[in-house]
Amino acid sequence: MSGVDSHPAWCDPARCGAMPDRPEGTHCSRVVVLGPFPPSSVVVEVSVAQSPPVPGYPWSGQPFVALALGDAEEELSVTPLPVELATALGRVLTGLLCDVAG
């Protein structure tokens, strides 16, 4: 993980919680919001985050994709995805949509 004196290239300083005086903070990218696309009211928010490592939790300290999904008028449900899973999901969605688009 990047130290608190440096930030990953994807980190948005306006959203980042990792600072020299707060080393336990989390690096955060900007949020990309998709939707709603009427008539549906579903929205998706996607960002990247990276918290400091936690002893005993081997997946901690690694960047992950924060995928939030739900109704635009309600609290979204957030699912953290390892980068490898998010990459695979992107490939699957692209493949499916290429099949649909013909």
PDB file of N, CA and C in Angstrom:
ATOM      1  N   MET A   1       0.839  -1.183   0.000  1.00  0.00           N
ATOM      2  CA  MET A   1       0.000   0.000   0.000  1.00  0.00           C
ATOM      3  C   MET A   1       0.872   1.229   0.000  1.00  0.00           C
ATOM      4  N   SER A   2       0.409   2.268  -0.617  1.00  0.00           N
ATOM      5  CA  SER A   2       1.125   3.521  -0.606  1.00  0.00           C
ATOM      6  C   SER A   2       1.112   4.099   0.797  1.00  0.00           C
ATOM      7  N   GLY A   3       2.173   4.763   1.150  1.00  0.00           N
ATOM      8  CA  GLY A   3       2.205   5.430   2.441  1.00  0.00           C
ATOM      9  C   GLY A   3       1.286   6.627   2.451  1.00  0.00           C
ATOM     10  N   VAL A   4       1.091   7.194   3.620  1.00  0.00           N
ATOM     11  CA  VAL A   4       0.183   8.328   3.713  1.00  0.00           C
ATOM     12  C   VAL A   4       0.802   9.590   3.131  1.00  0.00           C
ATOM     13  N   ASP A   5       2.117   9.578   2.893  1.00  0.00           N
ATOM     14  CA  ASP A   5       2.756  10.736   2.270  1.00  0.00           C
ATOM     15  C   ASP A   5       2.619  10.692   0.751  1.00  0.00           C
ATOM     16  N   SER A   6       2.247   9.522   0.211  1.00  0.00           N
ATOM     17  CA  SER A   6       2.023   9.391  -1.224  1.00  0.00           C
ATOM     18  C   SER A   6       0.690   8.689  -1.426  1.00  0.00           C
ATOM     19  N   HIS A   7       0.111   8.946  -2.543  1.00  0.00           N
ATOM     20  CA  HIS A   7      -1.204   8.375  -2.845  1.00  0.00           C
ATOM     21  C   HIS A   7      -1.137   7.626  -4.164  1.00  0.00           C
ATOM     22  N   PRO A   8      -1.923   6.554  -4.315  1.00  0.00           N
ATOM     23  CA  PRO A   8      -1.986   5.880  -5.619  1.00  0.00           C
ATOM     24  C   PRO A   8      -2.465   6.865  -6.689  1.00  0.00           C
ATOM     25  N   ALA A   9      -2.099   6.600  -7.922  1.00  0.00           N
ATOM     26  CA  ALA A   9      -2.479   7.495  -9.026  1.00  0.00           C
ATOM     27  C   ALA A   9      -3.986   7.676  -9.114  1.00  0.00           C
ATOM     28  N   TRP A  10      -4.759   6.661  -8.725  1.00  0.00           N
ATOM     29  CA  TRP A  10      -6.219   6.717  -8.838  1.00  0.00           C
ATOM     30  C   TRP A  10      -6.881   7.446  -7.665  1.00  0.00           C
ATOM     31  N   CYS A  11      -6.124   7.778  -6.643  1.00  0.00           N
ATOM     32  CA  CYS A  11      -6.679   8.384  -5.422  1.00  0.00           C
ATOM     33  C   CYS A  11      -7.141   9.825  -5.677  1.00  0.00           C
ATOM     34  N   ASP A  12      -8.319  10.147  -5.203  1.00  0.00           N
ATOM     35  CA  ASP A  12      -8.885  11.488  -5.317  1.00  0.00           C
ATOM     36  C   ASP A  12      -8.665  12.218  -3.994  1.00  0.00           C
ATOM     37  N   PRO A  13      -7.779  13.212  -3.963  1.00  0.00           N
ATOM     38  CA  PRO A  13      -7.484  13.908  -2.707  1.00  0.00           C
ATOM     39  C   PRO A  13      -8.723  14.459  -2.005  1.00  0.00           C
ATOM     40  N   ALA A  14      -9.754  14.800  -2.758  1.00  0.00           N
ATOM     41  CA  ALA A  14     -10.975  15.345  -2.156  1.00  0.00           C
ATOM     42  C   ALA A  14     -11.748  14.271  -1.378  1.00  0.00           C
ATOM     43  N   ARG A  15     -11.558  13.003  -1.705  1.00  0.00           N
ATOM     44  CA  ARG A  15     -12.278  11.918  -1.027  1.00  0.00           C
ATOM     45  C   ARG A  15     -11.378  11.073  -0.134  1.00  0.00           C
ATOM     46  N   CYS A  16     -10.060  11.259  -0.264  1.00  0.00           N
ATOM     47  CA  CYS A  16      -9.109  10.406   0.436  1.00  0.00           C
ATOM     48  C   CYS A  16      -9.140  10.657   1.939  1.00  0.00           C
ATOM     49  N   GLY A  17      -9.091   9.557   2.697  1.00  0.00           N
ATOM     50  CA  GLY A  17      -9.069   9.659   4.153  1.00  0.00           C
ATOM     51  C   GLY A  17      -7.698   9.351   4.737  1.00  0.00           C
ATOM     52  N   ALA A  18      -6.696   9.072   3.890  1.00  0.00           N
ATOM     53  CA  ALA A  18      -5.346   8.764   4.359  1.00  0.00           C
ATOM     54  C   ALA A  18      -4.502  10.030   4.322  1.00  0.00           C
ATOM     55  N   MET A  19      -4.090  10.462   5.484  1.00  0.00           N
ATOM     56  CA  MET A  19      -3.283  11.669   5.611  1.00  0.00           C
ATOM     57  C   MET A  19      -2.172  11.413   6.625  1.00  0.00           C
ATOM     58  N   PRO A  20      -1.098  12.206   6.583  1.00  0.00           N
ATOM     59  CA  PRO A  20      -0.016  11.992   7.546  1.00  0.00           C
ATOM     60  C   PRO A  20      -0.501  11.963   8.994  1.00  0.00           C
ATOM     61  N   ASP A  21      -1.493  12.772   9.333  1.00  0.00           N
ATOM     62  CA  ASP A  21      -2.007  12.774  10.700  1.00  0.00           C
ATOM     63  C   ASP A  21      -3.093  11.728  10.923  1.00  0.00           C
ATOM     64  N   ARG A  22      -3.413  10.980   9.866  1.00  0.00           N
ATOM     65  CA  ARG A  22      -4.440   9.933   9.957  1.00  0.00           C
ATOM     66  C   ARG A  22      -4.025   8.718   9.123  1.00  0.00           C
ATOM     67  N   PRO A  23      -2.967   8.016   9.556  1.00  0.00           N
ATOM     68  CA  PRO A  23      -2.447   6.908   8.747  1.00  0.00           C
ATOM     69  C   PRO A  23      -3.407   5.729   8.612  1.00  0.00           C
ATOM     70  N   GLU A  24      -4.419   5.652   9.456  1.00  0.00           N
ATOM     71  CA  GLU A  24      -5.385   4.551   9.357  1.00  0.00           C
ATOM     72  C   GLU A  24      -6.482   4.852   8.344  1.00  0.00           C
ATOM     73  N   GLY A  25      -6.369   5.971   7.661  1.00  0.00           N
ATOM     74  CA  GLY A  25      -7.379   6.348   6.683  1.00  0.00           C
ATOM     75  C   GLY A  25      -7.330   5.503   5.423  1.00  0.00           C
ATOM     76  N   THR A  26      -8.353   5.640   4.618  1.00  0.00           N
ATOM     77  CA  THR A  26      -8.509   4.857   3.392  1.00  0.00           C
ATOM     78  C   THR A  26      -8.338   5.745   2.173  1.00  0.00           C
ATOM     79  N   HIS A  27      -7.520   5.263   1.226  1.00  0.00           N
ATOM     80  CA  HIS A  27      -7.412   5.933  -0.076  1.00  0.00           C
ATOM     81  C   HIS A  27      -8.708   5.658  -0.836  1.00  0.00           C
ATOM     82  N   CYS A  28      -9.239   6.662  -1.509  1.00  0.00           N
ATOM     83  CA  CYS A  28     -10.488   6.515  -2.264  1.00  0.00           C
ATOM     84  C   CYS A  28     -10.376   7.220  -3.610  1.00  0.00           C
ATOM     85  N   SER A  29     -10.902   6.581  -4.633  1.00  0.00           N
ATOM     86  CA  SER A  29     -10.968   7.214  -5.951  1.00  0.00           C
ATOM     87  C   SER A  29     -12.234   8.056  -6.040  1.00  0.00           C
ATOM     88  N   ARG A  30     -12.383   8.730  -7.154  1.00  0.00           N
ATOM     89  CA  ARG A  30     -13.651   9.419  -7.395  1.00  0.00           C
ATOM     90  C   ARG A  30     -14.724   8.358  -7.611  1.00  0.00           C
ATOM     91  N   VAL A  31     -15.956   8.732  -7.393  1.00  0.00           N
ATOM     92  CA  VAL A  31     -17.078   7.809  -7.584  1.00  0.00           C
ATOM     93  C   VAL A  31     -17.657   8.020  -8.977  1.00  0.00           C
ATOM     94  N   VAL A  32     -17.881   6.939  -9.680  1.00  0.00           N
ATOM     95  CA  VAL A  32     -18.562   6.983 -10.971  1.00  0.00           C
ATOM     96  C   VAL A  32     -19.989   6.515 -10.721  1.00  0.00           C
ATOM     97  N   VAL A  33     -20.953   7.344 -11.107  1.00  0.00           N
ATOM     98  CA  VAL A  33     -22.368   7.020 -10.902  1.00  0.00           C
ATOM     99  C   VAL A  33     -22.989   6.698 -12.257  1.00  0.00           C
ATOM    100  N   LEU A  34     -23.654   5.545 -12.313  1.00  0.00           N
ATOM    101  CA  LEU A  34     -24.347   5.117 -13.530  1.00  0.00           C
ATOM    102  C   LEU A  34     -25.830   5.001 -13.235  1.00  0.00           C
ATOM    103  N   GLY A  35     -26.629   5.606 -14.081  1.00  0.00           N
ATOM    104  CA  GLY A  35     -28.080   5.503 -13.919  1.00  0.00           C
ATOM    105  C   GLY A  35     -28.636   6.652 -13.117  1.00  0.00           C
ATOM    106  N   PRO A  36     -29.916   6.625 -12.889  1.00  0.00           N
ATOM    107  CA  PRO A  36     -30.848   5.615 -13.372  1.00  0.00           C
ATOM    108  C   PRO A  36     -31.152   5.792 -14.858  1.00  0.00           C
ATOM    109  N   PHE A  37     -31.540   4.696 -15.476  1.00  0.00           N
ATOM    110  CA  PHE A  37     -31.950   4.700 -16.865  1.00  0.00           C
ATOM    111  C   PHE A  37     -33.428   4.337 -16.887  1.00  0.00           C
ATOM    112  N   PRO A  38     -34.320   5.352 -16.989  1.00  0.00           N
ATOM    113  CA  PRO A  38     -35.762   5.094 -16.934  1.00  0.00           C
ATOM    114  C   PRO A  38     -36.180   4.039 -17.943  1.00  0.00           C
ATOM    115  N   PRO A  39     -37.138   3.232 -17.592  1.00  0.00           N
ATOM    116  CA  PRO A  39     -38.048   3.398 -16.469  1.00  0.00           C
ATOM    117  C   PRO A  39     -37.498   2.867 -15.142  1.00  0.00           C
ATOM    118  N   SER A  40     -36.325   2.261 -15.157  1.00  0.00           N
ATOM    119  CA  SER A  40     -35.748   1.724 -13.923  1.00  0.00           C
ATOM    120  C   SER A  40     -35.241   2.855 -13.028  1.00  0.00           C
ATOM    121  N   SER A  41     -35.265   2.644 -11.723  1.00  0.00           N
ATOM    122  CA  SER A  41     -34.724   3.622 -10.785  1.00  0.00           C
ATOM    123  C   SER A  41     -33.418   3.116 -10.157  1.00  0.00           C
ATOM    124  N   VAL A  42     -32.867   2.049 -10.744  1.00  0.00           N
ATOM    125  CA  VAL A  42     -31.631   1.463 -10.213  1.00  0.00           C
ATOM    126  C   VAL A  42     -30.429   2.323 -10.596  1.00  0.00           C
ATOM    127  N   VAL A  43     -29.534   2.524  -9.619  1.00  0.00           N
ATOM    128  CA  VAL A  43     -28.279   3.217  -9.864  1.00  0.00           C
ATOM    129  C   VAL A  43     -27.125   2.331  -9.398  1.00  0.00           C
ATOM    130  N   VAL A  44     -25.959   2.597  -9.970  1.00  0.00           N
ATOM    131  CA  VAL A  44     -24.732   1.915  -9.588  1.00  0.00           C
ATOM    132  C   VAL A  44     -23.690   2.989  -9.314  1.00  0.00           C
ATOM    133  N   GLU A  45     -22.980   2.832  -8.208  1.00  0.00           N
ATOM    134  CA  GLU A  45     -21.844   3.697  -7.909  1.00  0.00           C
ATOM    135  C   GLU A  45     -20.620   2.804  -7.804  1.00  0.00           C
ATOM    136  N   VAL A  46     -19.536   3.199  -8.476  1.00  0.00           N
ATOM    137  CA  VAL A  46     -18.316   2.398  -8.488  1.00  0.00           C
ATOM    138  C   VAL A  46     -17.137   3.295  -8.125  1.00  0.00           C
ATOM    139  N   SER A  47     -16.274   2.780  -7.256  1.00  0.00           N
ATOM    140  CA  SER A  47     -15.044   3.477  -6.910  1.00  0.00           C
ATOM    141  C   SER A  47     -13.998   2.444  -6.511  1.00  0.00           C
ATOM    142  N   VAL A  48     -12.778   2.911  -6.317  1.00  0.00           N
ATOM    143  CA  VAL A  48     -11.686   2.062  -5.849  1.00  0.00           C
ATOM    144  C   VAL A  48     -11.274   2.583  -4.480  1.00  0.00           C
ATOM    145  N   ALA A  49     -10.939   1.665  -3.585  1.00  0.00           N
ATOM    146  CA  ALA A  49     -10.508   2.041  -2.240  1.00  0.00           C
ATOM    147  C   ALA A  49      -9.366   1.131  -1.806  1.00  0.00           C
ATOM    148  N   GLN A  50      -8.603   1.614  -0.827  1.00  0.00           N
ATOM    149  CA  GLN A  50      -7.505   0.827  -0.275  1.00  0.00           C
ATOM    150  C   GLN A  50      -7.268   1.270   1.161  1.00  0.00           C
ATOM    151  N   SER A  51      -7.566   0.376   2.071  1.00  0.00           N
ATOM    152  CA  SER A  51      -7.360   0.637   3.491  1.00  0.00           C
ATOM    153  C   SER A  51      -5.994   0.110   3.912  1.00  0.00           C
ATOM    154  N   PRO A  52      -5.515   0.504   5.090  1.00  0.00           N
ATOM    155  CA  PRO A  52      -4.243  -0.036   5.567  1.00  0.00           C
ATOM    156  C   PRO A  52      -4.366  -1.533   5.873  1.00  0.00           C
ATOM    157  N   PRO A  53      -3.246  -2.256   5.837  1.00  0.00           N
ATOM    158  CA  PRO A  53      -3.287  -3.680   6.185  1.00  0.00           C
ATOM    159  C   PRO A  53      -3.670  -3.893   7.647  1.00  0.00           C
ATOM    160  N   VAL A  54      -4.398  -4.967   7.901  1.00  0.00           N
ATOM    161  CA  VAL A  54      -4.793  -5.347   9.254  1.00  0.00           C
ATOM    162  C   VAL A  54      -4.203  -6.727   9.529  1.00  0.00           C
ATOM    163  N   PRO A  55      -3.393  -6.853  10.582  1.00  0.00           N
ATOM    164  CA  PRO A  55      -2.806  -8.162  10.881  1.00  0.00           C
ATOM    165  C   PRO A  55      -3.884  -9.243  11.017  1.00  0.00           C
ATOM    166  N   GLY A  56      -3.631 -10.391  10.400  1.00  0.00           N
ATOM    167  CA  GLY A  56      -4.569 -11.499  10.466  1.00  0.00           C
ATOM    168  C   GLY A  56      -5.604 -11.507   9.357  1.00  0.00           C
ATOM    169  N   TYR A  57      -5.651 -10.448   8.552  1.00  0.00           N
ATOM    170  CA  TYR A  57      -6.607 -10.358   7.448  1.00  0.00           C
ATOM    171  C   TYR A  57      -5.823 -10.201   6.142  1.00  0.00           C
ATOM    172  N   PRO A  58      -5.515 -11.319   5.486  1.00  0.00           N
ATOM    173  CA  PRO A  58      -4.614 -11.267   4.326  1.00  0.00           C
ATOM    174  C   PRO A  58      -5.115 -10.431   3.150  1.00  0.00           C
ATOM    175  N   TRP A  59      -6.428 -10.253   3.018  1.00  0.00           N
ATOM    176  CA  TRP A  59      -6.947  -9.450   1.906  1.00  0.00           C
ATOM    177  C   TRP A  59      -6.909  -7.956   2.212  1.00  0.00           C
ATOM    178  N   SER A  60      -6.674  -7.600   3.467  1.00  0.00           N
ATOM    179  CA  SER A  60      -6.640  -6.173   3.813  1.00  0.00           C
ATOM    180  C   SER A  60      -5.384  -5.535   3.242  1.00  0.00           C
ATOM    181  N   GLY A  61      -5.435  -4.233   3.058  1.00  0.00           N
ATOM    182  CA  GLY A  61      -4.298  -3.504   2.512  1.00  0.00           C
ATOM    183  C   GLY A  61      -4.210  -3.530   1.007  1.00  0.00           C
ATOM    184  N   GLN A  62      -5.078  -4.289   0.358  1.00  0.00           N
ATOM    185  CA  GLN A  62      -5.085  -4.378  -1.104  1.00  0.00           C
ATOM    186  C   GLN A  62      -6.166  -3.466  -1.675  1.00  0.00           C
ATOM    187  N   PRO A  63      -5.931  -2.873  -2.845  1.00  0.00           N
ATOM    188  CA  PRO A  63      -7.003  -2.099  -3.472  1.00  0.00           C
ATOM    189  C   PRO A  63      -8.188  -3.010  -3.785  1.00  0.00           C
ATOM    190  N   PHE A  64      -9.381  -2.450  -3.743  1.00  0.00           N
ATOM    191  CA  PHE A  64     -10.586  -3.192  -4.101  1.00  0.00           C
ATOM    192  C   PHE A  64     -11.572  -2.245  -4.768  1.00  0.00           C
ATOM    193  N   VAL A  65     -12.512  -2.824  -5.487  1.00  0.00           N
ATOM    194  CA  VAL A  65     -13.572  -2.050  -6.131  1.00  0.00           C
ATOM    195  C   VAL A  65     -14.773  -2.043  -5.192  1.00  0.00           C
ATOM    196  N   ALA A  66     -15.258  -0.853  -4.893  1.00  0.00           N
ATOM    197  CA  ALA A  66     -16.470  -0.702  -4.078  1.00  0.00           C
ATOM    198  C   ALA A  66     -17.631  -0.525  -5.042  1.00  0.00           C
ATOM    199  N   LEU A  67     -18.471  -1.549  -5.127  1.00  0.00           N
ATOM    200  CA  LEU A  67     -19.616  -1.559  -6.034  1.00  0.00           C
ATOM    201  C   LEU A  67     -20.877  -1.379  -5.205  1.00  0.00           C
ATOM    202  N   ALA A  68     -21.583  -0.280  -5.434  1.00  0.00           N
ATOM    203  CA  ALA A  68     -22.825  -0.004  -4.705  1.00  0.00           C
ATOM    204  C   ALA A  68     -23.969  -0.030  -5.708  1.00  0.00           C
ATOM    205  N   LEU A  69     -25.031  -0.719  -5.345  1.00  0.00           N
ATOM    206  CA  LEU A  69     -26.142  -0.941  -6.268  1.00  0.00           C
ATOM    207  C   LEU A  69     -27.445  -0.825  -5.499  1.00  0.00           C
ATOM    208  N   GLY A  70     -28.437  -0.220  -6.125  1.00  0.00           N
ATOM    209  CA  GLY A  70     -29.747  -0.148  -5.491  1.00  0.00           C
ATOM    210  C   GLY A  70     -30.631   0.899  -6.123  1.00  0.00           C
ATOM    211  N   ASP A  71     -31.763   1.131  -5.472  1.00  0.00           N
ATOM    212  CA  ASP A  71     -32.734   2.124  -5.922  1.00  0.00           C
ATOM    213  C   ASP A  71     -32.192   3.521  -5.631  1.00  0.00           C
ATOM    214  N   ALA A  72     -32.367   4.420  -6.581  1.00  0.00           N
ATOM    215  CA  ALA A  72     -31.834   5.783  -6.444  1.00  0.00           C
ATOM    216  C   ALA A  72     -32.371   6.505  -5.223  1.00  0.00           C
ATOM    217  N   GLU A  73     -33.560   6.138  -4.765  1.00  0.00           N
ATOM    218  CA  GLU A  73     -34.183   6.822  -3.638  1.00  0.00           C
ATOM    219  C   GLU A  73     -33.864   6.176  -2.289  1.00  0.00           C
ATOM    220  N   GLU A  74     -33.083   5.099  -2.288  1.00  0.00           N
ATOM    221  CA  GLU A  74     -32.792   4.376  -1.052  1.00  0.00           C
ATOM    222  C   GLU A  74     -31.280   4.242  -0.867  1.00  0.00           C
ATOM    223  N   GLU A  75     -30.896   3.783   0.313  1.00  0.00           N
ATOM    224  CA  GLU A  75     -29.483   3.549   0.577  1.00  0.00           C
ATOM    225  C   GLU A  75     -29.001   2.391  -0.290  1.00  0.00           C
ATOM    226  N   LEU A  76     -27.850   2.589  -0.918  1.00  0.00           N
ATOM    227  CA  LEU A  76     -27.316   1.559  -1.802  1.00  0.00           C
ATOM    228  C   LEU A  76     -26.607   0.481  -0.997  1.00  0.00           C
ATOM    229  N   SER A  77     -26.597  -0.720  -1.526  1.00  0.00           N
ATOM    230  CA  SER A  77     -25.919  -1.848  -0.912  1.00  0.00           C
ATOM    231  C   SER A  77     -24.514  -1.944  -1.499  1.00  0.00           C
ATOM    232  N   VAL A  78     -23.487  -1.867  -0.646  1.00  0.00           N
ATOM    233  CA  VAL A  78     -22.101  -1.857  -1.101  1.00  0.00           C
ATOM    234  C   VAL A  78     -21.502  -3.257  -1.009  1.00  0.00           C
ATOM    235  N   THR A  79     -20.835  -3.657  -2.074  1.00  0.00           N
ATOM    236  CA  THR A  79     -20.125  -4.928  -2.114  1.00  0.00           C
ATOM    237  C   THR A  79     -18.673  -4.654  -2.492  1.00  0.00           C
ATOM    238  N   PRO A  80     -17.732  -5.037  -1.633  1.00  0.00           N
ATOM    239  CA  PRO A  80     -16.321  -4.890  -2.010  1.00  0.00           C
ATOM    240  C   PRO A  80     -15.902  -6.057  -2.902  1.00  0.00           C
ATOM    241  N   LEU A  81     -15.286  -5.744  -4.022  1.00  0.00           N
ATOM    242  CA  LEU A  81     -14.832  -6.774  -4.960  1.00  0.00           C
ATOM    243  C   LEU A  81     -13.315  -6.717  -5.078  1.00  0.00           C
ATOM    244  N   PRO A  82     -12.629  -7.842  -4.902  1.00  0.00           N
ATOM    245  CA  PRO A  82     -11.194  -7.843  -5.193  1.00  0.00           C
ATOM    246  C   PRO A  82     -10.984  -7.417  -6.649  1.00  0.00           C
ATOM    247  N   VAL A  83      -9.866  -6.795  -6.932  1.00  0.00           N
ATOM    248  CA  VAL A  83      -9.588  -6.294  -8.281  1.00  0.00           C
ATOM    249  C   VAL A  83      -9.716  -7.406  -9.318  1.00  0.00           C
ATOM    250  N   GLU A  84      -9.232  -8.601  -8.993  1.00  0.00           N
ATOM    251  CA  GLU A  84      -9.300  -9.715  -9.941  1.00  0.00           C
ATOM    252  C   GLU A  84     -10.751 -10.085 -10.255  1.00  0.00           C
ATOM    253  N   LEU A  85     -11.613 -10.082  -9.252  1.00  0.00           N
ATOM    254  CA  LEU A  85     -13.020 -10.400  -9.474  1.00  0.00           C
ATOM    255  C   LEU A  85     -13.698  -9.305 -10.289  1.00  0.00           C
ATOM    256  N   ALA A  86     -13.408  -8.054  -9.990  1.00  0.00           N
ATOM    257  CA  ALA A  86     -13.988  -6.943 -10.748  1.00  0.00           C
ATOM    258  C   ALA A  86     -13.545  -7.000 -12.212  1.00  0.00           C
ATOM    259  N   THR A  87     -12.297  -7.361 -12.442  1.00  0.00           N
ATOM    260  CA  THR A  87     -11.787  -7.493 -13.806  1.00  0.00           C
ATOM    261  C   THR A  87     -12.529  -8.605 -14.555  1.00  0.00           C
ATOM    262  N   ALA A  88     -12.687  -9.744 -13.891  1.00  0.00           N
ATOM    263  CA  ALA A  88     -13.410 -10.862 -14.509  1.00  0.00           C
ATOM    264  C   ALA A  88     -14.864 -10.488 -14.784  1.00  0.00           C
ATOM    265  N   LEU A  89     -15.499  -9.795 -13.840  1.00  0.00           N
ATOM    266  CA  LEU A  89     -16.882  -9.356 -14.024  1.00  0.00           C
ATOM    267  C   LEU A  89     -16.999  -8.424 -15.225  1.00  0.00           C
ATOM    268  N   GLY A  90     -16.054  -7.514 -15.369  1.00  0.00           N
ATOM    269  CA  GLY A  90     -16.059  -6.615 -16.522  1.00  0.00           C
ATOM    270  C   GLY A  90     -15.971  -7.370 -17.837  1.00  0.00           C
ATOM    271  N   ARG A  91     -15.122  -8.398 -17.863  1.00  0.00           N
ATOM    272  CA  ARG A  91     -15.005  -9.216 -19.081  1.00  0.00           C
ATOM    273  C   ARG A  91     -16.295  -9.955 -19.385  1.00  0.00           C
ATOM    274  N   VAL A  92     -16.911 -10.522 -18.361  1.00  0.00           N
ATOM    275  CA  VAL A  92     -18.162 -11.256 -18.556  1.00  0.00           C
ATOM    276  C   VAL A  92     -19.247 -10.328 -19.076  1.00  0.00           C
ATOM    277  N   LEU A  93     -19.391  -9.162 -18.456  1.00  0.00           N
ATOM    278  CA  LEU A  93     -20.425  -8.210 -18.893  1.00  0.00           C
ATOM    279  C   LEU A  93     -20.173  -7.748 -20.322  1.00  0.00           C
ATOM    280  N   THR A  94     -18.927  -7.463 -20.656  1.00  0.00           N
ATOM    281  CA  THR A  94     -18.598  -7.038 -22.016  1.00  0.00           C
ATOM    282  C   THR A  94     -18.920  -8.145 -23.012  1.00  0.00           C
ATOM    283  N   GLY A  95     -18.560  -9.383 -22.655  1.00  0.00           N
ATOM    284  CA  GLY A  95     -18.843 -10.513 -23.544  1.00  0.00           C
ATOM    285  C   GLY A  95     -20.328 -10.718 -23.758  1.00  0.00           C
ATOM    286  N   LEU A  96     -21.084 -10.654 -22.680  1.00  0.00           N
ATOM    287  CA  LEU A  96     -22.535 -10.815 -22.794  1.00  0.00           C
ATOM    288  C   LEU A  96     -23.154  -9.722 -23.647  1.00  0.00           C
ATOM    289  N   LEU A  97     -22.706  -8.498 -23.453  1.00  0.00           N
ATOM    290  CA  LEU A  97     -23.282  -7.389 -24.211  1.00  0.00           C
ATOM    291  C   LEU A  97     -22.880  -7.436 -25.676  1.00  0.00           C
ATOM    292  N   CYS A  98     -21.672  -7.945 -25.955  1.00  0.00           N
ATOM    293  CA  CYS A  98     -21.292  -8.114 -27.364  1.00  0.00           C
ATOM    294  C   CYS A  98     -22.205  -9.131 -28.025  1.00  0.00           C
ATOM    295  N   ASP A  99     -22.576 -10.197 -27.287  1.00  0.00           N
ATOM    296  CA  ASP A  99     -23.500 -11.187 -27.821  1.00  0.00           C
ATOM    297  C   ASP A  99     -24.886 -10.581 -28.068  1.00  0.00           C
ATOM    298  N   VAL A 100     -25.343  -9.731 -27.168  1.00  0.00           N
ATOM    299  CA  VAL A 100     -26.661  -9.099 -27.289  1.00  0.00           C
ATOM    300  C   VAL A 100     -26.670  -8.113 -28.459  1.00  0.00           C
ATOM    301  N   ALA A 101     -25.579  -7.334 -28.595  1.00  0.00           N
ATOM    302  CA  ALA A 101     -25.522  -6.315 -29.643  1.00  0.00           C
ATOM    303  C   ALA A 101     -25.332  -6.947 -31.024  1.00  0.00           C
ATOM    304  N   GLY A 102     -24.918  -8.189 -31.051  1.00  0.00           N
ATOM    305  CA  GLY A 102     -24.770  -8.913 -32.300  1.00  0.00           C
ATOM    306  C   GLY A 102     -23.515  -8.585 -32.970  1.00  0.00           C
TER     307      GLY A 102
END
